[in-house]
């Protein structure tokens, strides 16, 4: 399961990097989307770790 998550995360990062390179106007919206996804990921990790205690 972790391996699949790593592959998906790397693919998403590579696609985002390609879009930012190919379309410079998308850099700011992509940055906002990555920030939101990061915060949601951290909250999910926190909730899961609290739930397992």
N, C-alpha and C. Protein backbone atom coordinates (compact mmCIF):
# COMPACT_ATOMS: atom_id res chain seq x y z
N UNK A 1 0.83 -1.19 0.00
CA UNK A 1 0.00 0.00 0.00
C UNK A 1 0.88 1.26 0.00
N UNK A 2 1.94 1.22 0.77
CA UNK A 2 2.83 2.38 0.83
C UNK A 2 3.51 2.61 -0.52
N UNK A 3 3.90 1.51 -1.17
CA UNK A 3 4.55 1.64 -2.47
C UNK A 3 3.62 2.29 -3.49
N UNK A 4 2.36 1.93 -3.46
CA UNK A 4 1.39 2.54 -4.38
C UNK A 4 1.25 4.03 -4.07
N UNK A 5 1.21 4.38 -2.79
CA UNK A 5 1.11 5.78 -2.40
C UNK A 5 2.31 6.59 -2.87
N UNK A 6 3.50 6.00 -2.77
CA UNK A 6 4.71 6.69 -3.21
C UNK A 6 4.68 6.91 -4.71
N UNK A 7 4.27 5.89 -5.46
CA UNK A 7 4.20 6.02 -6.92
C UNK A 7 3.19 7.09 -7.32
N UNK A 8 2.05 7.11 -6.67
CA UNK A 8 1.02 8.11 -6.98
C UNK A 8 1.53 9.52 -6.64
N UNK A 9 2.18 9.66 -5.49
CA UNK A 9 2.70 10.98 -5.10
C UNK A 9 3.76 11.46 -6.08
N UNK A 10 4.68 10.58 -6.47
CA UNK A 10 5.72 10.98 -7.42
C UNK A 10 5.14 11.34 -8.78
N UNK A 11 4.14 10.58 -9.22
CA UNK A 11 3.49 10.88 -10.50
C UNK A 11 2.79 12.23 -10.44
N UNK A 12 2.10 12.50 -9.34
CA UNK A 12 1.41 13.79 -9.20
C UNK A 12 2.41 14.94 -9.18
N UNK A 13 3.52 14.76 -8.48
CA UNK A 13 4.54 15.81 -8.43
C UNK A 13 5.16 16.04 -9.80
N UNK A 14 5.44 14.97 -10.52
CA UNK A 14 6.04 15.10 -11.85
C UNK A 14 5.08 15.79 -12.81
N UNK A 15 3.80 15.44 -12.74
CA UNK A 15 2.82 16.07 -13.62
C UNK A 15 2.67 17.55 -13.28
N UNK A 16 2.65 17.88 -11.98
CA UNK A 16 2.57 19.28 -11.57
C UNK A 16 3.78 20.07 -12.03
N UNK A 17 4.95 19.46 -11.92
CA UNK A 17 6.17 20.13 -12.38
C UNK A 17 6.14 20.35 -13.88
N UNK A 18 5.64 19.37 -14.63
CA UNK A 18 5.52 19.53 -16.08
C UNK A 18 4.56 20.67 -16.42
N UNK A 19 3.41 20.72 -15.74
CA UNK A 19 2.45 21.78 -16.01
C UNK A 19 3.03 23.15 -15.68
N UNK A 20 3.75 23.25 -14.56
CA UNK A 20 4.35 24.54 -14.18
C UNK A 20 5.40 24.97 -15.19
N UNK A 21 6.12 24.02 -15.76
CA UNK A 21 7.14 24.33 -16.76
C UNK A 21 6.49 24.70 -18.10
N UNK A 22 5.50 23.93 -18.50
CA UNK A 22 4.88 24.15 -19.81
C UNK A 22 3.97 25.38 -19.82
N UNK A 23 3.30 25.65 -18.71
CA UNK A 23 2.37 26.77 -18.63
C UNK A 23 2.70 27.61 -17.40
N UNK A 24 3.58 28.60 -17.56
CA UNK A 24 4.01 29.42 -16.40
C UNK A 24 2.86 30.11 -15.67
N UNK A 25 1.75 30.35 -16.36
CA UNK A 25 0.61 31.01 -15.71
C UNK A 25 -0.03 30.12 -14.65
N UNK A 26 0.24 28.83 -14.69
CA UNK A 26 -0.36 27.90 -13.73
C UNK A 26 0.48 27.72 -12.46
N UNK A 27 1.61 28.39 -12.37
CA UNK A 27 2.48 28.18 -11.20
C UNK A 27 1.81 28.54 -9.89
N UNK A 28 1.15 29.68 -9.85
CA UNK A 28 0.52 30.09 -8.59
C UNK A 28 -0.65 29.18 -8.21
N UNK A 29 -1.59 28.87 -9.12
CA UNK A 29 -2.66 27.94 -8.74
C UNK A 29 -2.14 26.56 -8.34
N UNK A 30 -1.09 26.08 -9.03
CA UNK A 30 -0.53 24.79 -8.65
C UNK A 30 0.11 24.85 -7.27
N UNK A 31 0.76 25.96 -6.96
CA UNK A 31 1.35 26.13 -5.63
C UNK A 31 0.29 26.13 -4.54
N UNK A 32 -0.82 26.79 -4.80
CA UNK A 32 -1.92 26.81 -3.84
C UNK A 32 -2.49 25.41 -3.67
N UNK A 33 -2.67 24.70 -4.77
CA UNK A 33 -3.22 23.34 -4.70
C UNK A 33 -2.29 22.41 -3.93
N UNK A 34 -0.99 22.53 -4.15
CA UNK A 34 -0.02 21.69 -3.43
C UNK A 34 -0.02 22.04 -1.95
N UNK A 35 -0.14 23.30 -1.63
CA UNK A 35 -0.19 23.70 -0.22
C UNK A 35 -1.42 23.13 0.47
N UNK A 36 -2.56 23.23 -0.18
CA UNK A 36 -3.79 22.70 0.39
C UNK A 36 -3.69 21.18 0.55
N UNK A 37 -3.16 20.51 -0.46
CA UNK A 37 -3.01 19.05 -0.38
C UNK A 37 -2.05 18.66 0.74
N UNK A 38 -0.99 19.43 0.93
CA UNK A 38 -0.05 19.15 2.02
C UNK A 38 -0.69 19.30 3.38
N UNK A 39 -1.47 20.36 3.56
CA UNK A 39 -2.15 20.57 4.84
C UNK A 39 -3.16 19.46 5.09
N UNK A 40 -3.92 19.09 4.07
CA UNK A 40 -4.88 18.00 4.23
C UNK A 40 -4.19 16.68 4.54
N UNK A 41 -3.05 16.44 3.91
CA UNK A 41 -2.29 15.22 4.19
C UNK A 41 -1.79 15.19 5.62
N UNK A 42 -1.29 16.32 6.11
CA UNK A 42 -0.82 16.37 7.50
C UNK A 42 -1.97 16.18 8.48
N UNK A 43 -3.12 16.80 8.20
CA UNK A 43 -4.27 16.61 9.08
C UNK A 43 -4.74 15.16 9.08
N UNK A 44 -4.75 14.54 7.92
CA UNK A 44 -5.14 13.14 7.83
C UNK A 44 -4.18 12.25 8.62
N UNK A 45 -2.89 12.51 8.48
CA UNK A 45 -1.90 11.72 9.24
C UNK A 45 -2.09 11.92 10.73
N UNK A 46 -2.37 13.14 11.16
CA UNK A 46 -2.59 13.41 12.57
C UNK A 46 -3.84 12.69 13.09
N UNK A 47 -4.92 12.77 12.34
CA UNK A 47 -6.16 12.10 12.76
C UNK A 47 -5.99 10.61 12.81
N UNK A 48 -5.32 10.03 11.82
CA UNK A 48 -5.10 8.58 11.82
C UNK A 48 -4.22 8.16 12.99
N UNK A 49 -3.18 8.93 13.30
CA UNK A 49 -2.31 8.56 14.41
C UNK A 49 -3.04 8.68 15.74
N UNK A 50 -3.91 9.68 15.89
CA UNK A 50 -4.69 9.81 17.12
C UNK A 50 -5.71 8.68 17.21
N UNK A 51 -6.34 8.33 16.08
CA UNK A 51 -7.36 7.29 16.06
C UNK A 51 -6.79 5.93 16.45
N UNK A 52 -5.54 5.67 16.10
CA UNK A 52 -4.92 4.37 16.37
C UNK A 52 -4.47 4.21 17.82
N UNK A 53 -4.43 5.27 18.57
CA UNK A 53 -3.97 5.16 19.98
C UNK A 53 -4.95 4.47 20.85
